[in-house]
Amino acid sequence: MNGILGNRVASRRYSPAPVGARIGAVARAAFAKRGFTQSHVLAHWPEIAGAQLAEFSSPEKLVFPRASGERARRDGATLVVRVDGPVAVEIRHLEPQIIERINGYYGHSAVARLKLVQGPLPVKHGPRLRRLRPLSADERATLAQELEKIEEPALKEALRKLGERVVGARRAR
């Protein structure tokens, strides 16, 4: 098309938006249904509750008191936390500290109390670990030869482990 516009490519404003740009809006809508105007409590639950308690608990939703005014909407909420097993007793005992951490995180009295619901937690999928093949004798010898110039034992050991993972991740020839 060599007309008035020449061979120009279509403008970016007519191209579809990247998928990543739309994820935030979809996530905000999903979080809002659960009372979370922001996903901070969900994303940072292990830092707020502590790694050991977060392993057996998960925030489910924020329930705000029925009142008029913007301030009433933002303060004094009840955080519903799903708890698995006997950790509920410990969380109940640590409730004032957990609420203090949450409110410190938000910078105002966002949460007034916790409501614990006992039940199974959603399955957490950890990172998939790649299976490594064992190194051949030649590969081990080559790796050892490359590392013999390094004098510090801790660094040498760390590089050896890294080398085994890198070489072991490659397919056998």
N, C-alpha and C. Protein backbone atom coordinates (compact mmCIF):
# COMPACT_ATOMS: atom_id res chain seq x y z
N MET A 1 0.84 -1.18 0.00
CA MET A 1 0.00 0.00 0.00
C MET A 1 0.88 1.23 0.00
N ASN A 2 1.14 1.76 -1.11
CA ASN A 2 1.91 2.98 -1.21
C ASN A 2 0.97 4.13 -1.52
N GLY A 3 0.10 4.45 -0.65
CA GLY A 3 -0.84 5.55 -0.84
C GLY A 3 -0.34 6.78 -0.12
N ILE A 4 -1.25 7.52 0.42
CA ILE A 4 -0.92 8.74 1.14
C ILE A 4 -0.10 8.43 2.38
N LEU A 5 -0.40 7.33 3.06
CA LEU A 5 0.31 6.98 4.29
C LEU A 5 1.64 6.28 4.02
N GLY A 6 1.87 5.80 2.86
CA GLY A 6 3.12 5.11 2.56
C GLY A 6 3.14 3.72 3.19
N ASN A 7 4.29 3.25 3.57
CA ASN A 7 4.45 1.91 4.14
C ASN A 7 4.51 1.95 5.67
N ARG A 8 3.81 2.83 6.29
CA ARG A 8 3.86 2.96 7.75
C ARG A 8 3.14 1.80 8.43
N VAL A 9 3.66 1.39 9.54
CA VAL A 9 3.07 0.33 10.33
C VAL A 9 1.95 0.94 11.17
N ALA A 10 0.93 0.16 11.46
CA ALA A 10 -0.20 0.66 12.25
C ALA A 10 0.28 1.21 13.60
N SER A 11 -0.36 2.22 14.04
CA SER A 11 -0.01 2.89 15.30
C SER A 11 -0.23 1.94 16.48
N ARG A 12 0.54 2.15 17.55
CA ARG A 12 0.43 1.31 18.74
C ARG A 12 -0.92 1.48 19.43
N ARG A 13 -1.58 2.60 19.24
CA ARG A 13 -2.84 2.78 19.96
C ARG A 13 -3.93 1.87 19.43
N TYR A 14 -3.72 1.26 18.29
CA TYR A 14 -4.71 0.33 17.76
C TYR A 14 -4.33 -1.12 18.02
N SER A 15 -3.17 -1.35 18.62
CA SER A 15 -2.77 -2.72 18.93
C SER A 15 -3.31 -3.10 20.30
N PRO A 16 -3.54 -4.38 20.53
CA PRO A 16 -4.09 -4.80 21.83
C PRO A 16 -3.08 -4.54 22.96
N ALA A 17 -3.62 -4.28 24.13
CA ALA A 17 -2.78 -4.04 25.31
C ALA A 17 -2.11 -5.33 25.74
N PRO A 18 -0.91 -5.25 26.31
CA PRO A 18 -0.25 -6.47 26.81
C PRO A 18 -1.09 -7.15 27.89
N VAL A 19 -0.99 -8.46 27.97
CA VAL A 19 -1.77 -9.22 28.95
C VAL A 19 -1.44 -8.77 30.37
N GLY A 20 -0.17 -8.52 30.64
CA GLY A 20 0.24 -8.10 31.98
C GLY A 20 -0.43 -6.82 32.45
N ALA A 21 -0.77 -5.94 31.52
CA ALA A 21 -1.43 -4.69 31.89
C ALA A 21 -2.85 -4.94 32.38
N ARG A 22 -3.46 -6.01 31.93
CA ARG A 22 -4.85 -6.31 32.32
C ARG A 22 -4.95 -7.15 33.59
N ILE A 23 -3.90 -7.83 33.96
CA ILE A 23 -3.93 -8.72 35.12
C ILE A 23 -4.23 -7.95 36.40
N GLY A 24 -3.64 -6.76 36.54
CA GLY A 24 -3.86 -5.97 37.75
C GLY A 24 -5.33 -5.64 37.95
N ALA A 25 -6.02 -5.26 36.89
CA ALA A 25 -7.44 -4.92 37.00
C ALA A 25 -8.28 -6.15 37.38
N VAL A 26 -7.97 -7.28 36.79
CA VAL A 26 -8.71 -8.50 37.10
C VAL A 26 -8.45 -8.91 38.55
N ALA A 27 -7.19 -8.84 38.96
CA ALA A 27 -6.84 -9.21 40.34
C ALA A 27 -7.51 -8.27 41.34
N ARG A 28 -7.51 -6.97 41.05
CA ARG A 28 -8.17 -6.01 41.96
C ARG A 28 -9.64 -6.34 42.14
N ALA A 29 -10.30 -6.72 41.05
CA ALA A 29 -11.72 -7.06 41.14
C ALA A 29 -11.92 -8.32 42.00
N ALA A 30 -11.05 -9.30 41.83
CA ALA A 30 -11.16 -10.53 42.62
C ALA A 30 -10.88 -10.26 44.09
N PHE A 31 -9.86 -9.44 44.39
CA PHE A 31 -9.54 -9.10 45.78
C PHE A 31 -10.66 -8.27 46.40
N ALA A 32 -11.26 -7.37 45.63
CA ALA A 32 -12.32 -6.51 46.15
C ALA A 32 -13.53 -7.33 46.59
N LYS A 33 -13.82 -8.43 45.90
CA LYS A 33 -14.93 -9.29 46.30
C LYS A 33 -14.70 -9.88 47.69
N ARG A 34 -13.45 -10.04 48.06
CA ARG A 34 -13.08 -10.58 49.37
C ARG A 34 -12.79 -9.48 50.38
N GLY A 35 -13.01 -8.22 50.01
CA GLY A 35 -12.81 -7.12 50.94
C GLY A 35 -11.41 -6.56 50.94
N PHE A 36 -10.51 -7.12 50.16
CA PHE A 36 -9.14 -6.63 50.11
C PHE A 36 -9.05 -5.55 49.04
N THR A 37 -8.96 -4.28 49.47
CA THR A 37 -8.79 -3.21 48.50
C THR A 37 -7.39 -3.25 47.92
N GLN A 38 -6.47 -3.80 48.67
CA GLN A 38 -5.11 -4.00 48.19
C GLN A 38 -4.71 -5.42 48.57
N SER A 39 -3.80 -5.97 47.82
CA SER A 39 -3.41 -7.36 48.07
C SER A 39 -2.24 -7.49 49.03
N HIS A 40 -1.89 -6.43 49.74
CA HIS A 40 -0.70 -6.47 50.60
C HIS A 40 -0.77 -7.56 51.66
N VAL A 41 -1.90 -7.67 52.34
CA VAL A 41 -2.00 -8.68 53.40
C VAL A 41 -1.84 -10.07 52.82
N LEU A 42 -2.43 -10.31 51.67
CA LEU A 42 -2.31 -11.62 51.04
C LEU A 42 -0.88 -11.90 50.59
N ALA A 43 -0.27 -10.93 49.95
CA ALA A 43 1.07 -11.13 49.40
C ALA A 43 2.14 -11.20 50.49
N HIS A 44 1.92 -10.51 51.60
CA HIS A 44 2.95 -10.43 52.63
C HIS A 44 2.54 -11.13 53.93
N TRP A 45 1.62 -12.08 53.84
CA TRP A 45 1.17 -12.79 55.03
C TRP A 45 2.32 -13.48 55.78
N PRO A 46 3.26 -14.14 55.10
CA PRO A 46 4.37 -14.75 55.86
C PRO A 46 5.19 -13.74 56.66
N GLU A 47 5.39 -12.52 56.13
CA GLU A 47 6.12 -11.51 56.89
C GLU A 47 5.29 -10.96 58.05
N ILE A 48 4.00 -10.86 57.86
CA ILE A 48 3.13 -10.29 58.90
C ILE A 48 2.92 -11.28 60.04
N ALA A 49 2.53 -12.51 59.71
CA ALA A 49 2.20 -13.50 60.74
C ALA A 49 3.42 -14.28 61.20
N GLY A 50 4.46 -14.27 60.41
CA GLY A 50 5.62 -15.10 60.70
C GLY A 50 5.57 -16.35 59.83
N ALA A 51 6.71 -16.83 59.42
CA ALA A 51 6.77 -17.95 58.48
C ALA A 51 6.12 -19.22 59.02
N GLN A 52 6.31 -19.49 60.32
CA GLN A 52 5.75 -20.72 60.88
C GLN A 52 4.23 -20.68 60.95
N LEU A 53 3.66 -19.55 61.38
CA LEU A 53 2.20 -19.44 61.44
C LEU A 53 1.60 -19.36 60.04
N ALA A 54 2.28 -18.70 59.11
CA ALA A 54 1.76 -18.57 57.75
C ALA A 54 1.71 -19.92 57.04
N GLU A 55 2.54 -20.85 57.48
CA GLU A 55 2.54 -22.19 56.88
C GLU A 55 1.20 -22.90 57.11
N PHE A 56 0.54 -22.58 58.23
CA PHE A 56 -0.71 -23.26 58.59
C PHE A 56 -1.91 -22.33 58.62
N SER A 57 -1.79 -21.15 58.01
CA SER A 57 -2.91 -20.20 58.00
C SER A 57 -2.89 -19.40 56.70
N SER A 58 -4.05 -18.85 56.35
CA SER A 58 -4.16 -18.07 55.13
C SER A 58 -5.29 -17.07 55.28
N PRO A 59 -5.03 -15.76 55.05
CA PRO A 59 -6.12 -14.78 55.13
C PRO A 59 -7.12 -15.02 54.01
N GLU A 60 -8.43 -14.98 54.36
CA GLU A 60 -9.45 -15.25 53.36
C GLU A 60 -10.17 -14.00 52.91
N LYS A 61 -10.61 -13.18 53.86
CA LYS A 61 -11.32 -11.96 53.46
C LYS A 61 -11.34 -10.96 54.61
N LEU A 62 -11.59 -9.72 54.25
CA LEU A 62 -11.76 -8.64 55.22
C LEU A 62 -13.24 -8.29 55.25
N VAL A 63 -13.80 -8.24 56.43
CA VAL A 63 -15.20 -7.87 56.59
C VAL A 63 -15.23 -6.54 57.33
N PHE A 64 -15.76 -5.51 56.67
CA PHE A 64 -15.82 -4.18 57.26
C PHE A 64 -17.13 -3.99 57.99
N PRO A 65 -17.13 -3.20 59.08
CA PRO A 65 -18.38 -2.94 59.80
C PRO A 65 -19.34 -2.12 58.94
N ARG A 66 -20.63 -2.34 59.17
CA ARG A 66 -21.63 -1.57 58.43
C ARG A 66 -21.79 -0.22 59.09
N ALA A 67 -21.31 0.79 58.42
CA ALA A 67 -21.42 2.16 58.91
C ALA A 67 -21.25 3.08 57.72
N SER A 68 -21.62 4.33 57.91
CA SER A 68 -21.50 5.28 56.82
C SER A 68 -20.21 6.07 56.97
N GLY A 69 -19.76 6.61 55.88
CA GLY A 69 -18.54 7.41 55.91
C GLY A 69 -17.34 6.64 55.44
N GLU A 70 -16.40 7.35 54.87
CA GLU A 70 -15.20 6.72 54.33
C GLU A 70 -14.32 6.14 55.42
N ARG A 71 -14.21 6.82 56.56
CA ARG A 71 -13.33 6.37 57.64
C ARG A 71 -13.85 5.05 58.22
N ALA A 72 -15.16 4.91 58.34
CA ALA A 72 -15.72 3.67 58.87
C ALA A 72 -15.45 2.51 57.92
N ARG A 73 -15.39 2.77 56.65
CA ARG A 73 -15.15 1.73 55.67
C ARG A 73 -13.70 1.22 55.75
N ARG A 74 -12.78 2.07 56.12
CA ARG A 74 -11.38 1.70 56.10
C ARG A 74 -10.88 1.13 57.43
N ASP A 75 -11.54 1.40 58.51
CA ASP A 75 -11.04 1.02 59.83
C ASP A 75 -11.95 -0.02 60.49
N GLY A 76 -11.35 -0.76 61.43
CA GLY A 76 -12.12 -1.67 62.27
C GLY A 76 -12.62 -2.92 61.60
N ALA A 77 -11.94 -3.40 60.60
CA ALA A 77 -12.38 -4.59 59.88
C ALA A 77 -12.04 -5.86 60.66
N THR A 78 -12.73 -6.92 60.29
CA THR A 78 -12.44 -8.25 60.83
C THR A 78 -11.75 -9.03 59.72
N LEU A 79 -10.57 -9.55 60.01
CA LEU A 79 -9.84 -10.36 59.04
C LEU A 79 -10.18 -11.82 59.30
N VAL A 80 -10.77 -12.47 58.31
CA VAL A 80 -11.10 -13.89 58.40
C VAL A 80 -9.87 -14.67 57.94
N VAL A 81 -9.39 -15.53 58.82
CA VAL A 81 -8.18 -16.30 58.55
C VAL A 81 -8.52 -17.79 58.61
N ARG A 82 -8.21 -18.51 57.53
CA ARG A 82 -8.39 -19.96 57.52
C ARG A 82 -7.18 -20.58 58.19
N VAL A 83 -7.44 -21.49 59.13
CA VAL A 83 -6.38 -22.09 59.93
C VAL A 83 -6.51 -23.61 59.85
N ASP A 84 -5.37 -24.26 59.75
CA ASP A 84 -5.34 -25.72 59.66
C ASP A 84 -4.73 -26.27 60.95
N GLY A 85 -5.49 -27.11 61.63
CA GLY A 85 -4.97 -27.81 62.79
C GLY A 85 -4.93 -26.98 64.06
N PRO A 86 -4.12 -27.42 65.00
CA PRO A 86 -4.09 -26.80 66.32
C PRO A 86 -3.38 -25.44 66.36
N VAL A 87 -2.96 -24.92 65.22
CA VAL A 87 -2.31 -23.61 65.17
C VAL A 87 -3.31 -22.51 65.54
N ALA A 88 -4.60 -22.82 65.48
CA ALA A 88 -5.63 -21.83 65.83
C ALA A 88 -5.44 -21.32 67.26
N VAL A 89 -5.04 -22.20 68.16
CA VAL A 89 -4.82 -21.79 69.55
C VAL A 89 -3.68 -20.78 69.63
N GLU A 90 -2.61 -21.06 68.91
CA GLU A 90 -1.46 -20.15 68.93
C GLU A 90 -1.80 -18.81 68.27
N ILE A 91 -2.53 -18.85 67.15
CA ILE A 91 -2.91 -17.61 66.49
C ILE A 91 -3.84 -16.79 67.38
N ARG A 92 -4.78 -17.47 68.06
CA ARG A 92 -5.67 -16.76 68.98
C ARG A 92 -4.86 -16.09 70.09
N HIS A 93 -3.85 -16.78 70.57
CA HIS A 93 -2.99 -16.23 71.62
C HIS A 93 -2.19 -15.03 71.11
N LEU A 94 -1.74 -15.08 69.85
CA LEU A 94 -0.92 -14.02 69.27
C LEU A 94 -1.75 -12.97 68.51
N GLU A 95 -3.08 -13.03 68.64
CA GLU A 95 -3.95 -12.12 67.89
C GLU A 95 -3.58 -10.64 68.07
N PRO A 96 -3.34 -10.14 69.29
CA PRO A 96 -2.99 -8.71 69.41
C PRO A 96 -1.72 -8.34 68.64
N GLN A 97 -0.71 -9.20 68.67
CA GLN A 97 0.53 -8.91 67.95
C GLN A 97 0.31 -8.95 66.44
N ILE A 98 -0.47 -9.91 65.96
CA ILE A 98 -0.74 -10.02 64.52
C ILE A 98 -1.52 -8.80 64.04
N ILE A 99 -2.53 -8.39 64.81
CA ILE A 99 -3.31 -7.21 64.44
C ILE A 99 -2.42 -5.97 64.44
N GLU A 100 -1.54 -5.87 65.41
CA GLU A 100 -0.62 -4.73 65.47
C GLU A 100 0.30 -4.70 64.24
N ARG A 101 0.78 -5.87 63.82
CA ARG A 101 1.63 -5.94 62.62
C ARG A 101 0.87 -5.54 61.36
N ILE A 102 -0.37 -6.02 61.23
CA ILE A 102 -1.18 -5.67 60.07
C ILE A 102 -1.44 -4.18 60.04
N ASN A 103 -1.85 -3.62 61.17
CA ASN A 103 -2.15 -2.19 61.22
C ASN A 103 -0.90 -1.36 61.03
N GLY A 104 0.23 -1.84 61.52
CA GLY A 104 1.49 -1.15 61.27
C GLY A 104 1.85 -1.17 59.80
N TYR A 105 1.51 -2.26 59.15
CA TYR A 105 1.79 -2.39 57.73
C TYR A 105 0.95 -1.40 56.92
N TYR A 106 -0.34 -1.27 57.30
CA TYR A 106 -1.22 -0.35 56.60
C TYR A 106 -1.05 1.10 57.05
N GLY A 107 -0.57 1.30 58.26
CA GLY A 107 -0.39 2.66 58.75
C GLY A 107 -1.61 3.25 59.43
N HIS A 108 -2.65 2.46 59.63
CA HIS A 108 -3.83 2.89 60.38
C HIS A 108 -4.52 1.65 60.94
N SER A 109 -5.56 1.84 61.73
CA SER A 109 -6.24 0.73 62.38
C SER A 109 -7.18 0.02 61.42
N ALA A 110 -6.62 -0.64 60.43
CA ALA A 110 -7.41 -1.30 59.40
C ALA A 110 -8.15 -2.51 59.95
N VAL A 111 -7.50 -3.29 60.82
CA VAL A 111 -8.08 -4.53 61.34
C VAL A 111 -8.26 -4.39 62.85
N ALA A 112 -9.47 -4.71 63.32
CA ALA A 112 -9.76 -4.65 64.75
C ALA A 112 -9.69 -6.03 65.41
N ARG A 113 -10.04 -7.07 64.63
CA ARG A 113 -10.01 -8.41 65.22
C ARG A 113 -9.83 -9.46 64.13
N LEU A 114 -9.47 -10.67 64.58
CA LEU A 114 -9.34 -11.80 63.68
C LEU A 114 -10.48 -12.77 63.93
N LYS A 115 -11.00 -13.35 62.87
CA LYS A 115 -11.99 -14.43 63.00
C LYS A 115 -11.33 -15.66 62.37
N LEU A 116 -11.16 -16.68 63.18
CA LEU A 116 -10.49 -17.89 62.71
C LEU A 116 -11.51 -18.91 62.23
N VAL A 117 -11.26 -19.46 61.08
CA VAL A 117 -12.10 -20.50 60.49
C VAL A 117 -11.21 -21.72 60.29
N GLN A 118 -11.55 -22.82 60.96
CA GLN A 118 -10.73 -24.01 60.83
C GLN A 118 -11.14 -24.80 59.60
N GLY A 119 -10.15 -25.27 58.88
CA GLY A 119 -10.41 -26.05 57.69
C GLY A 119 -9.13 -26.24 56.92
N PRO A 120 -9.18 -27.09 55.90
CA PRO A 120 -7.97 -27.34 55.11
C PRO A 120 -7.57 -26.09 54.31
N LEU A 121 -6.28 -25.89 54.20
CA LEU A 121 -5.75 -24.77 53.44
C LEU A 121 -5.64 -25.15 51.97
N PRO A 122 -5.64 -24.16 51.10
CA PRO A 122 -5.40 -24.48 49.68
C PRO A 122 -4.01 -25.09 49.52
N VAL A 123 -3.89 -25.99 48.57
CA VAL A 123 -2.63 -26.65 48.32
C VAL A 123 -1.64 -25.63 47.76
N LYS A 124 -0.47 -25.56 48.38
CA LYS A 124 0.56 -24.65 47.91
C LYS A 124 1.50 -25.43 47.00
N HIS A 125 1.66 -24.92 45.82
CA HIS A 125 2.56 -25.56 44.87
C HIS A 125 3.93 -24.89 44.98
N GLY A 126 4.90 -25.69 45.34
CA GLY A 126 6.26 -25.18 45.43
C GLY A 126 6.90 -25.14 44.06
N PRO A 127 8.07 -24.58 43.97
CA PRO A 127 8.74 -24.55 42.68
C PRO A 127 9.13 -25.96 42.23
N ARG A 128 8.94 -26.21 40.97
CA ARG A 128 9.32 -27.52 40.43
C ARG A 128 10.82 -27.57 40.29
N LEU A 129 11.40 -28.60 40.83
CA LEU A 129 12.83 -28.78 40.73
C LEU A 129 13.15 -29.66 39.54
N ARG A 130 14.10 -29.24 38.78
CA ARG A 130 14.52 -29.99 37.61
C ARG A 130 15.34 -31.19 38.06
N ARG A 131 15.08 -32.32 37.48
CA ARG A 131 15.86 -33.52 37.80
C ARG A 131 17.21 -33.42 37.10
N LEU A 132 18.24 -33.67 37.86
CA LEU A 132 19.58 -33.59 37.32
C LEU A 132 20.12 -34.99 37.07
N ARG A 133 20.79 -35.14 35.99
CA ARG A 133 21.42 -36.42 35.70
C ARG A 133 22.77 -36.46 36.41
N PRO A 134 23.26 -37.62 36.77
CA PRO A 134 24.58 -37.71 37.38
C PRO A 134 25.66 -37.36 36.35
N LEU A 135 26.71 -36.72 36.83
CA LEU A 135 27.80 -36.33 35.94
C LEU A 135 28.67 -37.55 35.62
N SER A 136 29.18 -37.56 34.40
CA SER A 136 30.09 -38.64 34.01
C SER A 136 31.45 -38.37 34.64
N ALA A 137 32.33 -39.36 34.58
CA ALA A 137 33.68 -39.22 35.15
C ALA A 137 34.45 -38.12 34.43
N ASP A 138 34.29 -38.02 33.10
CA ASP A 138 34.97 -36.97 32.33
C ASP A 138 34.48 -35.58 32.74
N GLU A 139 33.17 -35.46 32.93
CA GLU A 139 32.60 -34.16 33.32
C GLU A 139 33.08 -33.76 34.71
N ARG A 140 33.13 -34.71 35.63
CA ARG A 140 33.64 -34.43 36.97
C ARG A 140 35.11 -34.01 36.94
N ALA A 141 35.90 -34.69 36.12
CA ALA A 141 37.32 -34.36 36.01
C ALA A 141 37.51 -32.97 35.41
N THR A 142 36.73 -32.63 34.40
CA THR A 142 36.82 -31.30 33.78
C THR A 142 36.44 -30.22 34.79
N LEU A 143 35.37 -30.45 35.55
CA LEU A 143 34.93 -29.49 36.57
C LEU A 143 35.99 -29.32 37.64
N ALA A 144 36.58 -30.41 38.10
CA ALA A 144 37.63 -30.35 39.13
C ALA A 144 38.86 -29.60 38.60
N GLN A 145 39.19 -29.80 37.35
CA GLN A 145 40.33 -29.12 36.74
C GLN A 145 40.08 -27.61 36.68
N GLU A 146 38.86 -27.22 36.33
CA GLU A 146 38.52 -25.80 36.27
C GLU A 146 38.57 -25.15 37.65
N LEU A 147 38.27 -25.90 38.69
CA LEU A 147 38.18 -25.33 40.05
C LEU A 147 39.49 -25.41 40.83
N GLU A 148 40.51 -26.08 40.32
CA GLU A 148 41.71 -26.27 41.12
C GLU A 148 42.48 -24.98 41.36
N LYS A 149 42.26 -23.92 40.58
CA LYS A 149 42.94 -22.64 40.77
C LYS A 149 42.36 -21.85 41.95
N ILE A 150 41.17 -22.18 42.37
CA ILE A 150 40.49 -21.45 43.44
C ILE A 150 41.01 -21.95 44.78
N GLU A 151 41.45 -21.02 45.63
CA GLU A 151 42.09 -21.39 46.88
C GLU A 151 41.12 -21.46 48.06
N GLU A 152 40.11 -20.59 48.08
CA GLU A 152 39.19 -20.55 49.22
C GLU A 152 38.25 -21.75 49.18
N PRO A 153 38.24 -22.58 50.26
CA PRO A 153 37.45 -23.82 50.23
C PRO A 153 35.94 -23.59 50.11
N ALA A 154 35.40 -22.59 50.79
CA ALA A 154 33.95 -22.37 50.74
C ALA A 154 33.51 -21.95 49.34
N LEU A 155 34.28 -21.07 48.72
CA LEU A 155 33.98 -20.63 47.36
C LEU A 155 34.12 -21.79 46.37
N LYS A 156 35.14 -22.58 46.56
CA LYS A 156 35.39 -23.72 45.68
C LYS A 156 34.23 -24.71 45.75
N GLU A 157 33.76 -24.98 46.97
CA GLU A 157 32.64 -25.92 47.15
C GLU A 157 31.35 -25.37 46.53
N ALA A 158 31.09 -24.07 46.72
CA ALA A 158 29.89 -23.46 46.14
C ALA A 158 29.93 -23.52 44.62
N LEU A 159 31.09 -23.23 44.04
CA LEU A 159 31.22 -23.29 42.59
C LEU A 159 31.14 -24.72 42.07
N ARG A 160 31.61 -25.68 42.86
CA ARG A 160 31.50 -27.08 42.45
C ARG A 160 30.03 -27.50 42.38
N LYS A 161 29.27 -27.12 43.41
CA LYS A 161 27.83 -27.46 43.42
C LYS A 161 27.11 -26.79 42.25
N LEU A 162 27.45 -25.52 42.01
CA LEU A 162 26.84 -24.80 40.90
C LEU A 162 27.20 -25.48 39.57
N GLY A 163 28.46 -25.82 39.42
CA GLY A 163 28.90 -26.49 38.20
C GLY A 163 28.19 -27.82 37.98
N GLU A 164 28.00 -28.59 39.05
CA GLU A 164 27.29 -29.87 38.93
C GLU A 164 25.85 -29.65 38.49
N ARG A 165 25.21 -28.61 39.01
CA ARG A 165 23.82 -28.33 38.63
C ARG A 165 23.74 -27.87 37.17
N VAL A 166 24.67 -27.03 36.76
CA VAL A 166 24.64 -26.53 35.38
C VAL A 166 24.92 -27.67 34.40
N VAL A 167 25.96 -28.41 34.64
CA VAL A 167 26.32 -29.51 33.73
C VAL A 167 25.28 -30.63 33.83
N GLY A 168 24.78 -30.92 35.01
CA GLY A 168 23.79 -31.99 35.18
C GLY A 168 22.44 -31.65 34.57
N ALA A 169 22.16 -30.36 34.38
CA ALA A 169 20.89 -29.97 33.76
C ALA A 169 20.91 -30.17 32.25
N ARG A 170 22.12 -30.21 31.67
CA ARG A 170 22.24 -30.42 30.23
C ARG A 170 21.96 -31.90 29.91
N ARG A 171 21.51 -32.11 28.71
CA ARG A 171 21.26 -33.50 28.28
C ARG A 171 22.55 -34.21 27.96
N ALA A 172 22.54 -35.49 28.18
CA ALA A 172 23.74 -36.30 27.88
C ALA A 172 23.97 -36.31 26.38
N ARG A 173 25.26 -36.33 26.02
CA ARG A 173 25.59 -36.34 24.57
C ARG A 173 25.74 -37.72 24.06
